[in-house]
Amino acid sequence: MRKIYYLKTCSTCQRILKSLPNLDTFELQDIKTEPMTVKQVDEMAKMAGSYEVLFSKRATLYKEMGLKDEKLTEADFKRYILEHYTFLSRPVIITDGKIFVGNSPKTVQAAIEFLSK
């Protein structure tokens, strides 16, 4: 499976997508217009090692809802990701049994290098 979960309206996601080689071989899912399913989020968490890895603590709602002051469990991370797309650390790139989560320069570079092989 070659899939990218992203936000079409996010300039950072757009910039990263443009930098990826062989983008045309991926299925793209705009998580705002096509919400993620429980199965999809479960599969991502299994590959990433936890729901917390998928969770964006930089999301505006994270601070607005006071979540930064709470002790969140894996079940909480999963629930929030499923409730609102903004809680997914984007983009999530899945290819050849490997997952790359988020937009840190290190993660993006690792994805580009992996896809360039």
C-alpha atoms as a PDB file:
ATOM      1  CA  MET A   1       0.000   0.000   0.000  1.00  0.00           C
ATOM      2  CA  ARG A   2       1.237   3.466  -0.903  1.00  0.00           C
ATOM      3  CA  LYS A   3      -0.903   6.111   0.729  1.00  0.00           C
ATOM      4  CA  ILE A   4      -0.611   9.643   2.026  1.00  0.00           C
ATOM      5  CA  TYR A   5      -2.988  11.174   4.553  1.00  0.00           C
ATOM      6  CA  TYR A   6      -2.787  14.932   4.270  1.00  0.00           C
ATOM      7  CA  LEU A   7      -4.720  18.180   4.362  1.00  0.00           C
ATOM      8  CA  LYS A   8      -5.294  19.779   0.957  1.00  0.00           C
ATOM      9  CA  THR A   9      -5.567  23.257   2.486  1.00  0.00           C
ATOM     10  CA  CYS A  10      -2.270  22.956   4.399  1.00  0.00           C
ATOM     11  CA  SER A  11       0.603  24.752   2.664  1.00  0.00           C
ATOM     12  CA  THR A  12       3.150  22.638   4.550  1.00  0.00           C
ATOM     13  CA  CYS A  13       1.535  19.417   3.293  1.00  0.00           C
ATOM     14  CA  GLN A  14       1.454  20.813  -0.254  1.00  0.00           C
ATOM     15  CA  ARG A  15       5.149  21.752  -0.086  1.00  0.00           C
ATOM     16  CA  ILE A  16       6.085  18.291   1.198  1.00  0.00           C
ATOM     17  CA  LEU A  17       3.997  16.514  -1.452  1.00  0.00           C
ATOM     18  CA  LYS A  18       5.777  18.487  -4.186  1.00  0.00           C
ATOM     19  CA  SER A  19       9.137  17.324  -2.839  1.00  0.00           C
ATOM     20  CA  LEU A  20       8.266  13.601  -2.901  1.00  0.00           C
ATOM     21  CA  PRO A  21       9.474  11.461  -5.793  1.00  0.00           C
ATOM     22  CA  ASN A  22       6.918   9.235  -7.571  1.00  0.00           C
ATOM     23  CA  LEU A  23       3.935  11.002  -6.004  1.00  0.00           C
ATOM     24  CA  ASP A  24       1.726   9.665  -8.794  1.00  0.00           C
ATOM     25  CA  THR A  25       2.151   6.140  -7.375  1.00  0.00           C
ATOM     26  CA  PHE A  26       0.405   7.122  -4.119  1.00  0.00           C
ATOM     27  CA  GLU A  27      -3.245   7.211  -3.165  1.00  0.00           C
ATOM     28  CA  LEU A  28      -3.881  10.605  -1.576  1.00  0.00           C
ATOM     29  CA  GLN A  29      -6.542  11.064   1.084  1.00  0.00           C
ATOM     30  CA  ASP A  30      -7.524  14.595   2.091  1.00  0.00           C
ATOM     31  CA  ILE A  31      -8.570  13.921   5.684  1.00  0.00           C
ATOM     32  CA  LYS A  32     -10.831  16.973   5.801  1.00  0.00           C
ATOM     33  CA  THR A  33     -13.068  15.897   2.914  1.00  0.00           C
ATOM     34  CA  GLU A  34     -12.620  12.136   3.412  1.00  0.00           C
ATOM     35  CA  PRO A  35     -12.411  11.417   7.152  1.00  0.00           C
ATOM     36  CA  MET A  36     -10.206   8.585   8.359  1.00  0.00           C
ATOM     37  CA  THR A  37     -11.867   5.373   9.452  1.00  0.00           C
ATOM     38  CA  VAL A  38     -11.210   3.577  12.735  1.00  0.00           C
ATOM     39  CA  LYS A  39      -9.492   0.821  10.744  1.00  0.00           C
ATOM     40  CA  GLN A  40      -7.183   3.312   9.010  1.00  0.00           C
ATOM     41  CA  VAL A  41      -6.192   5.000  12.275  1.00  0.00           C
ATOM     42  CA  ASP A  42      -5.642   1.602  13.929  1.00  0.00           C
ATOM     43  CA  GLU A  43      -3.392   0.498  11.047  1.00  0.00           C
ATOM     44  CA  MET A  44      -1.372   3.715  11.225  1.00  0.00           C
ATOM     45  CA  ALA A  45      -0.954   3.384  15.004  1.00  0.00           C
ATOM     46  CA  LYS A  46       0.155  -0.235  14.649  1.00  0.00           C
ATOM     47  CA  MET A  47       2.807   0.787  12.119  1.00  0.00           C
ATOM     48  CA  ALA A  48       3.895   3.877  14.086  1.00  0.00           C
ATOM     49  CA  GLY A  49       3.971   2.097  17.440  1.00  0.00           C
ATOM     50  CA  SER A  50       1.308   4.169  19.204  1.00  0.00           C
ATOM     51  CA  TYR A  51      -1.550   6.612  18.759  1.00  0.00           C
ATOM     52  CA  GLU A  52       0.497   9.266  20.532  1.00  0.00           C
ATOM     53  CA  VAL A  53       3.054   9.219  17.686  1.00  0.00           C
ATOM     54  CA  LEU A  54       0.207  10.118  15.293  1.00  0.00           C
ATOM     55  CA  PHE A  55      -1.149  12.866  17.546  1.00  0.00           C
ATOM     56  CA  SER A  56      -0.272  16.498  16.874  1.00  0.00           C
ATOM     57  CA  LYS A  57       0.397  18.415  20.053  1.00  0.00           C
ATOM     58  CA  ARG A  58       0.844  21.512  17.887  1.00  0.00           C
ATOM     59  CA  ALA A  59      -2.840  21.564  16.896  1.00  0.00           C
ATOM     60  CA  THR A  60      -4.651  24.736  17.934  1.00  0.00           C
ATOM     61  CA  LEU A  61      -7.475  22.670  19.435  1.00  0.00           C
ATOM     62  CA  TYR A  62      -4.961  20.898  21.682  1.00  0.00           C
ATOM     63  CA  LYS A  63      -4.369  24.140  23.551  1.00  0.00           C
ATOM     64  CA  GLU A  64      -7.921  25.503  23.199  1.00  0.00           C
ATOM     65  CA  MET A  65      -9.435  22.369  24.741  1.00  0.00           C
ATOM     66  CA  GLY A  66      -6.904  22.381  27.588  1.00  0.00           C
ATOM     67  CA  LEU A  67      -5.572  18.983  26.576  1.00  0.00           C
ATOM     68  CA  LYS A  68      -1.982  20.056  27.188  1.00  0.00           C
ATOM     69  CA  ASP A  69      -2.810  20.155  30.895  1.00  0.00           C
ATOM     70  CA  GLU A  70      -4.288  16.656  30.940  1.00  0.00           C
ATOM     71  CA  LYS A  71      -2.630  13.255  31.091  1.00  0.00           C
ATOM     72  CA  LEU A  72      -3.868  11.633  27.892  1.00  0.00           C
ATOM     73  CA  THR A  73      -3.973   7.870  27.372  1.00  0.00           C
ATOM     74  CA  GLU A  74      -3.605   5.948  24.120  1.00  0.00           C
ATOM     75  CA  ALA A  75      -7.416   5.656  24.020  1.00  0.00           C
ATOM     76  CA  ASP A  76      -7.664   9.451  24.356  1.00  0.00           C
ATOM     77  CA  PHE A  77      -5.196  10.038  21.516  1.00  0.00           C
ATOM     78  CA  LYS A  78      -7.142   7.656  19.277  1.00  0.00           C
ATOM     79  CA  ARG A  79     -10.490   9.233  20.148  1.00  0.00           C
ATOM     80  CA  TYR A  80      -9.293  12.786  19.470  1.00  0.00           C
ATOM     81  CA  ILE A  81      -7.661  11.824  16.158  1.00  0.00           C
ATOM     82  CA  LEU A  82     -10.927  10.233  15.046  1.00  0.00           C
ATOM     83  CA  GLU A  83     -13.040  13.143  16.326  1.00  0.00           C
ATOM     84  CA  HIS A  84     -11.155  15.887  14.479  1.00  0.00           C
ATOM     85  CA  TYR A  85      -8.674  15.666  11.615  1.00  0.00           C
ATOM     86  CA  THR A  86      -6.568  18.494  13.068  1.00  0.00           C
ATOM     87  CA  PHE A  87      -5.200  16.118  15.706  1.00  0.00           C
ATOM     88  CA  LEU A  88      -3.408  13.954  13.136  1.00  0.00           C
ATOM     89  CA  SER A  89       0.229  14.902  12.720  1.00  0.00           C
ATOM     90  CA  ARG A  90       0.411  15.484   8.971  1.00  0.00           C
ATOM     91  CA  PRO A  91       1.276  14.271   6.500  1.00  0.00           C
ATOM     92  CA  VAL A  92       1.317  10.532   7.125  1.00  0.00           C
ATOM     93  CA  ILE A  93       3.146   8.694   4.358  1.00  0.00           C
ATOM     94  CA  ILE A  94       2.770   4.929   4.148  1.00  0.00           C
ATOM     95  CA  THR A  95       4.829   2.960   1.670  1.00  0.00           C
ATOM     96  CA  ASP A  96       6.309  -0.521   1.434  1.00  0.00           C
ATOM     97  CA  GLY A  97       5.473  -1.376   5.055  1.00  0.00           C
ATOM     98  CA  LYS A  98       7.066   1.828   6.373  1.00  0.00           C
ATOM     99  CA  ILE A  99       5.393   4.900   7.879  1.00  0.00           C
ATOM    100  CA  PHE A 100       6.552   8.504   8.098  1.00  0.00           C
ATOM    101  CA  VAL A 101       4.528  10.756  10.411  1.00  0.00           C
ATOM    102  CA  GLY A 102       4.609  14.530  10.518  1.00  0.00           C
ATOM    103  CA  ASN A 103       6.435  17.371   8.864  1.00  0.00           C
ATOM    104  CA  SER A 104       9.701  17.669  10.761  1.00  0.00           C
ATOM    105  CA  PRO A 105      12.624  18.201   8.385  1.00  0.00           C
ATOM    106  CA  LYS A 106      14.198  14.953   9.615  1.00  0.00           C
ATOM    107  CA  THR A 107      11.032  12.929   8.887  1.00  0.00           C
ATOM    108  CA  VAL A 108      10.501  14.524   5.481  1.00  0.00           C
ATOM    109  CA  GLN A 109      14.131  13.926   4.502  1.00  0.00           C
ATOM    110  CA  ALA A 110      13.915  10.283   5.622  1.00  0.00           C
ATOM    111  CA  ALA A 111      10.777   9.809   3.507  1.00  0.00           C
ATOM    112  CA  ILE A 112      12.399  11.406   0.444  1.00  0.00           C
ATOM    113  CA  GLU A 113      15.508   9.250   0.833  1.00  0.00           C
ATOM    114  CA  PHE A 114      13.444   6.088   1.287  1.00  0.00           C
ATOM    115  CA  LEU A 115      11.305   6.859  -1.765  1.00  0.00           C
ATOM    116  CA  SER A 116      14.341   7.693  -3.889  1.00  0.00           C
ATOM    117  CA  LYS A 117      15.837   4.203  -3.515  1.00  0.00           C
END
